[in-house]
Amino acid sequence: MSEKKSQAATAKPKSFGWIAEYVDEHSLLTASRKVRDSGYTKTDAYTPFPVHGIDEALGIKPTILPFIVLGAGFTGLFTALVLQYWTNAYDYKYIISGKPFASWPANIPVAFELTILFSAFTTFLGMWALNGLPKLSNPLFNSERFDRVTNDRFFLHVDSRDKYFNRESVKDLLAGTKPESLEEVIEDSSPTTLPSVIWLGLGFLFCASLVPVAVVLNMRAGNDENPRWHVFFDMDFQPKKKAQQTTTIFADARIARPQVPGTVARGSLVNEDPFYLGYDPTKQASLNATSNVRLVSAADDKAEKPADASPDTPSDKTGSVDAAKPTEPANVVEPAKDIPAANAAPASPVPAPSATPAAAAAPVAAGGPNLPWISEFPLEVDASLIALGKTKFEIYCSVCHGYAGDGDGLVHRRAEQLQQGYWLPPTSVHDPRIQEQPIGNIFYTISNGKGKMAGYGTVLSPKERWAIVSYVRALQRSRNAQIDDVPVELRAKIEEAKKAE
């Protein structure tokens, strides 16, 4: 080892080339053209400001970096398209808004992002690689005269690694350009290996960087009865009382205070207003109570029926009549007041011999939830509200129900083309069953969904949902319009059009 060190110490310094100094850019350009015409290619110029035409004077060819970046961009584009095709059309097939599995227009954003990402990284890293960076040392820095390159001097360097480099020939060539000074640059002879102290410091920093990682992994994987170590205390430690603790501030010594009588919690008013629900919650309790009575009566009827009763023996169908009195009418119910008949629930018993529990429950099953639907709009219906409903209907509803509400939207058409067997066609708003529904029932369906239809209560405000209901009613009325629905000033034109036909 000592012999190698002594040989390195006695080795002759290696030349890095010649450097010529000029006082202005014109002299630099003239010298650069002369060196270029002599066939030297590994040359470079150093100036305190950009010099126009220096690239051509040195014979620098255009860089291949743009072509490398172009290839990287196409690679990112191809990667994005293949990734999206594989995930959506092969590995996990899923219909999104009725689009085909390989929807190229929908793939444009991700393809664009990956194209830019690959191109940006390639530009940055490619520039470093083509320029031989990072380069921690340059022999030119050993020249004291070279320090003026950032001030008022211009330098031309001919590298010793050029295939035509000859020490004396280059010296004579540069001397013929009449430089301010001419100097041979010698390679830095200092040791290239890092001192052991630096290696020791780097090792210490590397080990120290593992400490936070180890702490995080220990906290995630381990259990500890002690509280975690706080770097920032924030609000974890403050003078406060928690629930279920005692206090001397209040007379009852409880820290948790009871609710003030007559107050309504924030957001709870929504649960009591028909405008937000589509039905009247004040009538729901009595409606449910009578329904429960009917269910209990039917259960008691099965429990009390004699085991030896023959099919011809009259029996009680409701549980409220003795089996020995078959001619006495059973208890049935009538619709509650102010509730549409199609969705009415039991309210009070009246004589009706032919009713059964199944018959009483039939309207509920056909009309949906047994709720007291409202039948009048809770806000004024005008042209602006219907226009708002049309806009929202075409955005959220038409994809399935179609623009005219016939249930023939794009999603339905796409599902029929796929013929996968499990698609349920959307309901037409012109179906007589939907036309007979109260507006509160339609509002409830829009808000909470039904079947495979998702609820839109989280994306549409109550006003927008009522606007859609008004537009649905307008669509339904359009199929059953009367002359009285037309403004007076337009009726004459309609009559003339009919006569012309």
Protein backbone atom coordinates (compact mmCIF):
# COMPACT_ATOMS: atom_id res chain seq x y z
CA MET A 1 0.00 0.00 0.00
CA SER A 2 2.77 2.44 0.88
CA GLU A 3 4.48 1.67 -2.45
CA LYS A 4 1.35 2.57 -4.39
CA LYS A 5 1.03 5.83 -2.49
CA SER A 6 4.62 6.73 -3.23
CA GLN A 7 4.08 5.98 -6.94
CA ALA A 8 1.01 8.16 -7.00
CA ALA A 9 2.91 10.94 -5.31
CA THR A 10 5.78 10.79 -7.84
CA ALA A 11 3.49 10.40 -10.92
CA LYS A 12 3.67 13.23 -13.43
CA PRO A 13 0.57 15.47 -13.36
CA LYS A 14 -1.74 14.85 -16.31
CA SER A 15 -2.69 17.66 -18.68
CA PHE A 16 -6.35 18.65 -18.86
CA GLY A 17 -5.84 20.83 -21.95
CA TRP A 18 -5.12 24.46 -22.77
CA ILE A 19 -7.15 27.52 -21.84
CA ALA A 20 -6.91 30.88 -23.62
CA GLU A 21 -8.15 34.20 -22.19
CA TYR A 22 -9.73 37.00 -24.26
CA VAL A 23 -10.84 40.51 -23.40
CA ASP A 24 -14.04 40.62 -25.52
CA GLU A 25 -16.56 38.31 -27.13
CA HIS A 26 -15.48 39.13 -30.68
CA SER A 27 -12.00 37.76 -30.09
CA LEU A 28 -13.55 34.67 -28.49
CA LEU A 29 -15.80 34.03 -31.49
CA THR A 30 -12.88 34.40 -33.92
CA ALA A 31 -10.72 31.99 -31.91
CA SER A 32 -13.61 29.51 -31.56
CA ARG A 33 -14.14 29.38 -35.34
CA LYS A 34 -10.44 28.84 -35.90
CA VAL A 35 -10.32 25.95 -33.40
CA ARG A 36 -13.49 24.44 -34.93
CA ASP A 37 -12.05 24.61 -38.45
CA SER A 38 -8.96 22.81 -37.18
CA GLY A 39 -11.11 19.74 -36.39
CA TYR A 40 -11.26 19.92 -32.60
CA THR A 41 -14.62 18.93 -31.13
CA LYS A 42 -14.06 18.66 -27.37
CA THR A 43 -13.98 22.37 -26.76
CA ASP A 44 -15.94 24.77 -24.61
CA ALA A 45 -16.26 28.51 -24.06
CA TYR A 46 -16.81 30.30 -20.75
CA THR A 47 -18.29 33.82 -20.73
CA PRO A 48 -19.70 36.25 -18.13
CA PHE A 49 -22.89 36.60 -20.20
CA PRO A 50 -24.55 34.71 -23.08
CA VAL A 51 -22.81 35.24 -26.42
CA HIS A 52 -24.93 34.97 -29.54
CA GLY A 53 -23.49 32.57 -32.12
CA ILE A 54 -21.06 30.77 -29.79
CA ASP A 55 -22.72 27.38 -30.41
CA GLU A 56 -22.17 27.66 -34.16
CA ALA A 57 -18.64 28.99 -33.68
CA LEU A 58 -17.71 25.97 -31.53
CA GLY A 59 -19.46 23.53 -33.88
CA ILE A 60 -21.76 22.23 -31.15
CA LYS A 61 -24.35 19.89 -32.63
CA PRO A 62 -28.00 19.89 -31.49
CA THR A 63 -28.57 17.71 -28.44
CA ILE A 64 -30.46 14.43 -28.66
CA LEU A 65 -32.30 15.24 -25.43
CA PRO A 66 -35.56 16.28 -27.23
CA PHE A 67 -35.76 12.87 -28.92
CA ILE A 68 -35.14 11.12 -25.59
CA VAL A 69 -37.91 13.19 -23.98
CA LEU A 70 -40.21 12.41 -26.92
CA GLY A 71 -39.64 8.70 -26.38
CA ALA A 72 -40.28 9.06 -22.68
CA GLY A 73 -43.54 10.90 -23.41
CA PHE A 74 -44.76 8.13 -25.69
CA THR A 75 -43.74 5.61 -23.03
CA GLY A 76 -45.86 7.42 -20.43
CA LEU A 77 -48.78 7.62 -22.85
CA PHE A 78 -48.58 3.91 -23.66
CA THR A 79 -48.21 3.00 -19.98
CA ALA A 80 -51.31 5.00 -19.01
CA LEU A 81 -53.49 3.56 -21.76
CA VAL A 82 -52.40 -0.04 -21.10
CA LEU A 83 -52.85 0.39 -17.34
CA GLN A 84 -56.39 1.76 -17.70
CA TYR A 85 -57.37 -0.83 -20.28
CA TRP A 86 -56.06 -3.66 -18.12
CA THR A 87 -57.75 -2.45 -14.93
CA ASN A 88 -61.15 -1.47 -16.37
CA ALA A 89 -61.58 -3.72 -19.42
CA TYR A 90 -59.78 -6.86 -18.29
CA ASP A 91 -59.00 -7.23 -14.59
CA TYR A 92 -62.03 -5.45 -13.06
CA LYS A 93 -64.83 -4.89 -15.53
CA TYR A 94 -67.17 -2.23 -14.26
CA ILE A 95 -69.67 -0.03 -16.10
CA ILE A 96 -69.27 3.64 -15.21
CA SER A 97 -72.04 5.99 -16.40
CA GLY A 98 -72.86 3.64 -19.25
CA LYS A 99 -69.46 4.07 -20.90
CA PRO A 100 -67.79 1.10 -22.63
CA PHE A 101 -65.07 -0.78 -20.77
CA ALA A 102 -62.32 0.68 -23.02
CA SER A 103 -63.41 4.32 -23.16
CA TRP A 104 -60.50 6.15 -24.76
CA PRO A 105 -61.88 9.69 -24.23
CA ALA A 106 -62.26 8.95 -20.52
CA ASN A 107 -58.62 7.80 -20.40
CA ILE A 108 -57.22 11.11 -21.69
CA PRO A 109 -56.63 12.81 -18.28
CA VAL A 110 -54.52 9.96 -16.87
CA ALA A 111 -52.70 9.52 -20.19
CA PHE A 112 -51.90 13.23 -20.27
CA GLU A 113 -50.62 13.23 -16.69
CA LEU A 114 -48.30 10.25 -17.20
CA THR A 115 -47.01 11.71 -20.47
CA ILE A 116 -46.04 14.92 -18.68
CA LEU A 117 -44.62 13.03 -15.68
CA PHE A 118 -42.35 10.77 -17.74
CA SER A 119 -41.23 13.68 -19.93
CA ALA A 120 -40.43 15.95 -16.99
CA PHE A 121 -38.31 13.39 -15.14
CA THR A 122 -36.52 12.38 -18.34
CA THR A 123 -35.73 16.01 -19.16
CA PHE A 124 -34.23 16.63 -15.73
CA LEU A 125 -32.26 13.40 -15.41
CA GLY A 126 -31.27 13.35 -19.10
CA MET A 127 -29.80 16.84 -18.87
CA TRP A 128 -27.66 15.75 -15.93
CA ALA A 129 -26.48 12.60 -17.69
CA LEU A 130 -25.63 14.28 -21.03
CA ASN A 131 -23.69 17.04 -19.28
CA GLY A 132 -21.74 14.59 -17.13
CA LEU A 133 -23.28 15.86 -13.91
CA PRO A 134 -22.88 15.85 -11.02
CA LYS A 135 -19.24 16.90 -11.24
CA LEU A 136 -17.84 17.88 -7.88
CA SER A 137 -14.51 19.24 -9.15
CA ASN A 138 -13.14 20.86 -12.32
CA PRO A 139 -9.42 21.42 -12.97
CA LEU A 140 -10.23 24.85 -14.44
CA PHE A 141 -10.97 26.06 -10.92
CA ASN A 142 -7.27 25.71 -10.12
CA SER A 143 -6.46 28.61 -12.45
CA GLU A 144 -6.38 31.95 -10.70
CA ARG A 145 -7.06 33.88 -13.94
CA PHE A 146 -10.18 31.76 -14.59
CA ASP A 147 -11.87 33.46 -11.61
CA ARG A 148 -12.50 36.54 -13.81
CA VAL A 149 -14.82 34.54 -16.08
CA THR A 150 -17.78 35.72 -14.00
CA ASN A 151 -16.66 39.35 -14.30
CA ASP A 152 -15.04 40.62 -17.52
CA ARG A 153 -13.03 37.86 -19.23
CA PHE A 154 -13.80 35.22 -21.90
CA PHE A 155 -12.06 31.82 -21.99
CA LEU A 156 -11.72 29.11 -24.62
CA HIS A 157 -10.76 25.60 -23.51
CA VAL A 158 -9.50 22.73 -25.66
CA ASP A 159 -9.85 19.42 -23.80
CA SER A 160 -6.95 16.96 -23.75
CA ARG A 161 -9.46 14.10 -24.34
CA ASP A 162 -10.03 15.24 -27.93
CA LYS A 163 -8.89 12.61 -30.42
CA TYR A 164 -6.76 15.15 -32.30
CA PHE A 165 -5.23 16.69 -29.18
CA ASN A 166 -1.49 17.38 -29.29
CA ARG A 167 0.03 19.48 -26.57
CA GLU A 168 2.31 21.60 -28.73
CA SER A 169 -0.07 21.85 -31.69
CA VAL A 170 -2.92 23.13 -29.54
CA LYS A 171 -0.60 25.59 -27.83
CA ASP A 172 0.54 27.01 -31.17
CA LEU A 173 -3.03 27.12 -32.49
CA LEU A 174 -4.33 29.10 -29.51
CA ALA A 175 -1.28 31.35 -29.47
CA GLY A 176 -2.09 32.34 -33.05
CA THR A 177 -5.46 33.75 -31.93
CA LYS A 178 -3.60 36.42 -29.86
CA PRO A 179 -5.17 35.71 -26.43
CA GLU A 180 -4.64 37.87 -23.36
CA SER A 181 -3.05 34.84 -21.68
CA LEU A 182 -2.51 31.17 -22.48
CA GLU A 183 -2.28 28.55 -19.76
CA GLU A 184 -2.08 24.78 -19.62
CA VAL A 185 -4.58 23.24 -17.22
CA ILE A 186 -3.28 20.38 -15.07
CA GLU A 187 -5.52 17.69 -13.60
CA ASP A 188 -6.16 17.98 -9.89
CA SER A 189 -3.62 15.75 -8.15
CA SER A 190 -5.39 15.66 -4.81
CA PRO A 191 -6.63 12.23 -3.59
CA THR A 192 -9.95 11.15 -5.05
CA THR A 193 -10.93 9.00 -2.09
CA LEU A 194 -13.02 10.54 0.69
CA PRO A 195 -11.36 10.85 4.11
CA SER A 196 -12.40 8.30 6.70
CA VAL A 197 -13.89 11.07 8.85
CA ILE A 198 -16.40 11.90 6.11
CA TRP A 199 -17.30 8.24 5.69
CA LEU A 200 -17.81 8.00 9.43
CA GLY A 201 -20.05 11.07 9.40
CA LEU A 202 -22.12 9.72 6.50
CA GLY A 203 -22.53 6.42 8.31
CA PHE A 204 -23.70 8.20 11.43
CA LEU A 205 -26.25 10.26 9.45
CA PHE A 206 -27.55 7.11 7.78
CA CYS A 207 -28.03 5.35 11.11
CA ALA A 208 -29.68 8.45 12.58
CA SER A 209 -32.13 8.58 9.68
CA LEU A 210 -33.32 5.07 10.60
CA VAL A 211 -34.36 6.14 14.09
CA PRO A 212 -37.60 7.94 13.07
CA VAL A 213 -38.53 4.99 10.86
CA ALA A 214 -37.96 2.56 13.72
CA VAL A 215 -40.01 4.72 16.11
CA VAL A 216 -42.94 4.91 13.69
CA LEU A 217 -42.87 1.16 13.02
CA ASN A 218 -42.74 0.45 16.76
CA MET A 219 -45.72 2.72 17.43
CA ARG A 220 -47.77 1.10 14.68
CA ALA A 221 -46.94 -2.52 15.51
CA GLY A 222 -46.47 -2.44 19.28
CA ASN A 223 -48.72 -1.86 22.29
CA ASP A 224 -47.89 0.37 25.21
CA GLU A 225 -49.91 1.22 28.31
CA ASN A 226 -48.19 4.58 28.67
CA PRO A 227 -49.37 7.60 26.66
CA ARG A 228 -47.49 8.40 23.50
CA TRP A 229 -44.61 10.85 23.53
CA HIS A 230 -45.77 14.31 22.51
CA VAL A 231 -43.57 16.53 20.38
CA PHE A 232 -46.30 19.16 20.13
CA PHE A 233 -48.77 19.23 23.01
CA ASP A 234 -51.47 20.99 20.97
CA MET A 235 -54.81 20.48 22.79
CA ASP A 236 -54.05 17.07 24.31
CA PHE A 237 -53.12 18.61 27.64
CA GLN A 238 -55.30 21.45 28.85
CA PRO A 239 -57.31 22.33 31.96
CA LYS A 240 -60.64 20.75 31.12
CA LYS A 241 -63.18 18.27 32.40
CA LYS A 242 -64.29 15.23 30.46
CA ALA A 243 -67.73 13.61 30.39
CA GLN A 244 -68.83 11.61 33.46
CA GLN A 245 -66.47 13.58 35.72
CA THR A 246 -67.51 15.65 38.74
CA THR A 247 -67.17 19.37 39.21
CA THR A 248 -67.74 22.01 41.87
CA ILE A 249 -68.98 24.60 39.39
CA PHE A 250 -72.57 23.33 39.19
CA ALA A 251 -74.85 22.44 42.08
CA ASP A 252 -75.51 18.90 40.88
CA ALA A 253 -71.71 18.26 40.64
CA ARG A 254 -72.09 16.91 37.08
CA ILE A 255 -69.84 18.14 34.31
CA ALA A 256 -72.23 16.90 31.56
CA ARG A 257 -75.09 19.36 31.46
CA PRO A 258 -78.67 18.24 30.61
CA GLN A 259 -80.40 19.60 27.53
CA VAL A 260 -82.23 22.89 27.94
CA PRO A 261 -86.00 22.27 27.65
CA GLY A 262 -87.56 23.56 24.44
CA THR A 263 -84.34 23.66 22.41
CA VAL A 264 -83.75 21.80 19.15
CA ALA A 265 -80.37 20.32 18.33
CA ARG A 266 -78.63 21.70 15.26
CA GLY A 267 -79.82 19.81 12.20
CA SER A 268 -82.71 18.09 14.00
CA LEU A 269 -85.34 20.45 12.61
CA VAL A 270 -84.97 18.70 9.26
CA ASN A 271 -86.55 15.58 10.73
CA GLU A 272 -89.74 17.47 11.59
CA ASP A 273 -90.37 19.49 8.43
CA PRO A 274 -92.30 17.96 5.48
CA PHE A 275 -90.26 20.18 3.16
CA TYR A 276 -87.22 17.99 3.85
CA LEU A 277 -89.05 14.64 4.12
CA GLY A 278 -91.90 14.52 1.63
CA TYR A 279 -94.35 13.41 4.31
CA ASP A 280 -95.89 14.80 7.50
CA PRO A 281 -94.03 13.34 10.51
CA THR A 282 -96.73 14.56 12.92
CA LYS A 283 -99.18 12.06 11.39
CA GLN A 284 -96.70 9.20 11.20
CA ALA A 285 -97.00 8.09 14.83
CA SER A 286 -100.75 7.51 14.68
CA LEU A 287 -100.34 5.81 11.31
CA ASN A 288 -97.81 3.35 12.68
CA ALA A 289 -99.92 2.70 15.79
CA THR A 290 -102.97 1.58 13.80
CA SER A 291 -100.78 -0.54 11.54
CA ASN A 292 -99.32 -2.29 14.57
CA VAL A 293 -102.83 -3.04 15.86
CA ARG A 294 -103.73 -4.74 12.61
CA LEU A 295 -100.55 -6.85 12.71
CA VAL A 296 -101.24 -7.91 16.30
CA SER A 297 -104.85 -8.77 15.42
CA ALA A 298 -103.73 -11.03 12.60
CA ALA A 299 -101.22 -12.78 14.86
CA ASP A 300 -103.81 -13.29 17.60
CA ASP A 301 -106.24 -14.74 15.04
CA LYS A 302 -103.79 -17.51 14.16
CA ALA A 303 -103.01 -18.18 17.82
CA GLU A 304 -106.66 -18.36 18.99
CA LYS A 305 -108.11 -20.35 16.09
CA PRO A 306 -109.28 -23.81 17.31
CA ALA A 307 -107.08 -26.66 16.14
CA ASP A 308 -110.12 -28.83 15.20
CA ALA A 309 -111.89 -26.14 13.21
CA SER A 310 -113.04 -27.45 9.86
CA PRO A 311 -112.75 -25.44 6.63
CA ASP A 312 -116.53 -25.04 6.52
CA THR A 313 -116.68 -23.68 10.05
CA PRO A 314 -116.82 -19.88 10.09
CA SER A 315 -113.83 -18.42 11.84
CA ASP A 316 -112.65 -14.99 12.91
CA LYS A 317 -110.42 -13.39 10.22
CA THR A 318 -109.31 -10.44 12.24
CA GLY A 319 -109.11 -11.63 15.83
CA SER A 320 -111.67 -9.05 16.94
CA VAL A 321 -114.77 -11.20 16.38
CA ASP A 322 -115.81 -14.37 18.21
CA ALA A 323 -115.68 -17.52 16.09
CA ALA A 324 -119.18 -18.34 17.18
CA LYS A 325 -120.48 -15.18 15.43
CA PRO A 326 -119.54 -15.55 11.80
CA THR A 327 -122.09 -13.05 10.57
CA GLU A 328 -120.69 -10.19 12.66
CA PRO A 329 -118.56 -7.92 10.47
CA ALA A 330 -114.83 -7.84 11.05
CA ASN A 331 -112.82 -4.77 11.97
CA VAL A 332 -111.35 -2.90 9.02
CA VAL A 333 -109.92 0.56 8.63
CA GLU A 334 -110.45 3.56 6.43
CA PRO A 335 -107.86 6.02 5.08
CA ALA A 336 -106.74 8.71 7.43
CA LYS A 337 -107.92 12.23 6.74
CA ASP A 338 -105.74 14.52 4.60
CA ILE A 339 -103.80 11.50 3.25
CA PRO A 340 -104.05 10.36 -0.41
CA ALA A 341 -106.15 7.22 -0.72
CA ALA A 342 -103.47 5.35 -2.67
CA ASN A 343 -101.14 5.54 0.33
CA ALA A 344 -103.59 5.69 3.20
CA ALA A 345 -103.00 3.64 6.33
CA PRO A 346 -105.50 2.27 8.92
CA ALA A 347 -106.90 4.89 11.23
CA SER A 348 -110.25 3.86 12.84
CA PRO A 349 -112.34 0.68 12.69
CA VAL A 350 -115.58 0.63 10.66
CA PRO A 351 -117.81 -2.34 9.74
CA ALA A 352 -116.90 -4.05 6.45
CA PRO A 353 -117.39 -7.79 6.17
CA SER A 354 -115.09 -8.49 3.22
CA ALA A 355 -111.79 -6.94 4.43
CA THR A 356 -108.83 -9.06 5.51
CA PRO A 357 -105.39 -8.18 6.87
CA ALA A 358 -103.84 -9.05 3.49
CA ALA A 359 -106.28 -6.79 1.68
CA ALA A 360 -105.64 -3.96 4.10
CA ALA A 361 -101.87 -4.25 3.59
CA ALA A 362 -102.08 -4.42 -0.20
CA PRO A 363 -102.12 -0.64 -0.84
CA VAL A 364 -99.04 -0.23 1.33
CA ALA A 365 -97.10 -2.84 -0.64
CA ALA A 366 -98.12 -1.32 -3.96
CA GLY A 367 -97.51 2.30 -3.00
CA GLY A 368 -94.19 1.90 -1.19
CA PRO A 369 -93.49 2.95 2.42
CA ASN A 370 -96.54 3.46 4.62
CA LEU A 371 -96.06 7.18 5.19
CA PRO A 372 -98.46 10.14 5.24
CA TRP A 373 -97.32 11.72 1.96
CA ILE A 374 -97.97 15.37 1.32
CA SER A 375 -99.95 16.17 -1.81
CA GLU A 376 -99.27 19.91 -2.09
CA PHE A 377 -95.96 21.52 -2.99
CA PRO A 378 -94.32 23.12 0.06
CA LEU A 379 -92.97 25.96 -2.11
CA GLU A 380 -94.32 28.07 -4.95
CA VAL A 381 -94.21 26.36 -8.33
CA ASP A 382 -93.35 28.80 -11.10
CA ALA A 383 -91.46 28.81 -14.38
CA SER A 384 -88.09 29.29 -12.70
CA LEU A 385 -88.61 26.26 -10.43
CA ILE A 386 -89.65 24.06 -13.36
CA ALA A 387 -86.64 25.30 -15.37
CA LEU A 388 -84.37 24.39 -12.45
CA GLY A 389 -86.02 20.97 -12.28
CA LYS A 390 -85.47 20.46 -16.01
CA THR A 391 -81.76 21.27 -15.65
CA LYS A 392 -81.25 18.93 -12.70
CA PHE A 393 -83.39 16.18 -14.28
CA GLU A 394 -81.29 16.21 -17.44
CA ILE A 395 -78.07 16.06 -15.39
CA TYR A 396 -78.94 13.39 -12.82
CA CYS A 397 -82.02 11.54 -14.07
CA SER A 398 -81.98 11.48 -17.86
CA VAL A 399 -79.04 9.05 -18.05
CA CYS A 400 -81.42 6.31 -16.89
CA HIS A 401 -84.95 7.66 -17.31
CA GLY A 402 -84.34 9.47 -20.62
CA TYR A 403 -84.92 13.11 -21.43
CA ALA A 404 -88.66 12.52 -21.89
CA GLY A 405 -88.92 10.31 -18.79
CA ASP A 406 -89.73 7.12 -20.74
CA GLY A 407 -87.02 5.06 -19.00
CA ASP A 408 -84.87 4.83 -22.15
CA GLY A 409 -81.72 6.69 -21.06
CA LEU A 410 -78.21 5.99 -22.29
CA VAL A 411 -77.39 3.73 -19.33
CA HIS A 412 -80.46 1.61 -20.04
CA ARG A 413 -79.60 1.36 -23.74
CA ARG A 414 -76.03 0.33 -22.92
CA ALA A 415 -77.24 -2.30 -20.43
CA GLU A 416 -79.61 -3.74 -23.03
CA GLN A 417 -76.74 -4.01 -25.51
CA LEU A 418 -74.64 -5.92 -22.98
CA GLN A 419 -77.53 -8.33 -22.24
CA GLN A 420 -76.03 -9.52 -18.96
CA GLY A 421 -79.39 -10.59 -17.56
CA TYR A 422 -79.46 -8.75 -14.24
CA TRP A 423 -80.41 -5.25 -15.42
CA LEU A 424 -83.69 -3.82 -14.16
CA PRO A 425 -85.15 -1.27 -16.62
CA PRO A 426 -85.69 2.22 -15.17
CA THR A 427 -89.29 3.18 -14.44
CA SER A 428 -91.10 5.49 -16.84
CA VAL A 429 -92.46 8.59 -15.13
CA HIS A 430 -95.50 8.24 -17.40
CA ASP A 431 -96.43 4.91 -15.85
CA PRO A 432 -99.96 5.24 -14.35
CA ARG A 433 -98.60 3.97 -11.04
CA ILE A 434 -96.11 6.87 -10.91
CA GLN A 435 -98.71 9.41 -12.07
CA GLU A 436 -100.98 8.38 -9.20
CA GLN A 437 -98.23 8.72 -6.60
CA PRO A 438 -98.38 11.81 -4.37
CA ILE A 439 -95.64 14.34 -4.92
CA GLY A 440 -94.26 13.55 -1.47
CA ASN A 441 -93.70 9.93 -2.51
CA ILE A 442 -91.78 11.03 -5.63
CA PHE A 443 -89.70 13.42 -3.52
CA TYR A 444 -88.94 10.62 -1.06
CA THR A 445 -87.82 8.32 -3.88
CA ILE A 446 -85.51 10.98 -5.32
CA SER A 447 -84.03 11.65 -1.89
CA ASN A 448 -83.53 8.06 -0.68
CA GLY A 449 -83.53 5.97 -3.87
CA LYS A 450 -85.44 2.81 -4.66
CA GLY A 451 -84.22 -0.54 -5.92
CA LYS A 452 -81.01 0.00 -7.88
CA MET A 453 -81.61 3.74 -8.04
CA ALA A 454 -79.34 5.56 -5.61
CA GLY A 455 -80.63 8.38 -3.45
CA TYR A 456 -79.72 11.94 -4.42
CA GLY A 457 -80.35 13.54 -1.05
CA THR A 458 -76.64 14.18 -0.58
CA VAL A 459 -75.99 15.82 -3.96
CA LEU A 460 -79.22 17.78 -4.50
CA SER A 461 -80.65 20.38 -2.15
CA PRO A 462 -84.29 20.00 -1.04
CA LYS A 463 -85.31 22.84 -3.36
CA GLU A 464 -83.62 21.13 -6.32
CA ARG A 465 -85.37 17.84 -5.50
CA TRP A 466 -88.76 19.58 -5.34
CA ALA A 467 -87.88 21.28 -8.62
CA ILE A 468 -87.33 17.86 -10.20
CA VAL A 469 -90.72 16.73 -8.83
CA SER A 470 -92.36 19.76 -10.45
CA TYR A 471 -90.65 18.97 -13.76
CA VAL A 472 -91.74 15.31 -13.53
CA ARG A 473 -95.30 16.50 -13.04
CA ALA A 474 -94.87 18.77 -16.08
CA LEU A 475 -93.63 15.81 -18.17
CA GLN A 476 -96.61 13.75 -17.05
CA ARG A 477 -99.02 16.56 -17.82
CA SER A 478 -97.47 16.98 -21.29
CA ARG A 479 -98.86 13.57 -22.27
CA ASN A 480 -102.34 14.47 -21.00
CA ALA A 481 -102.55 18.19 -21.74
CA GLN A 482 -105.90 19.93 -22.27
CA ILE A 483 -106.70 23.10 -24.13
CA ASP A 484 -107.33 24.78 -20.79
CA ASP A 485 -103.64 24.30 -19.93
CA VAL A 486 -102.61 26.58 -22.81
CA PRO A 487 -102.44 30.33 -22.21
CA VAL A 488 -105.44 32.19 -23.62
CA GLU A 489 -103.38 34.18 -26.10
CA LEU A 490 -102.01 30.98 -27.66
CA ARG A 491 -105.20 28.96 -27.91
CA ALA A 492 -106.27 30.60 -31.18
CA LYS A 493 -103.01 29.51 -32.88
CA ILE A 494 -103.55 25.93 -31.75
CA GLU A 495 -107.10 25.91 -33.08
CA GLU A 496 -105.92 27.30 -36.42
CA ALA A 497 -103.22 24.61 -36.59
CA LYS A 498 -105.83 21.91 -35.98
CA LYS A 499 -108.06 23.28 -38.75
CA ALA A 500 -105.10 23.42 -41.14
CA GLU A 501 -104.48 19.72 -40.55
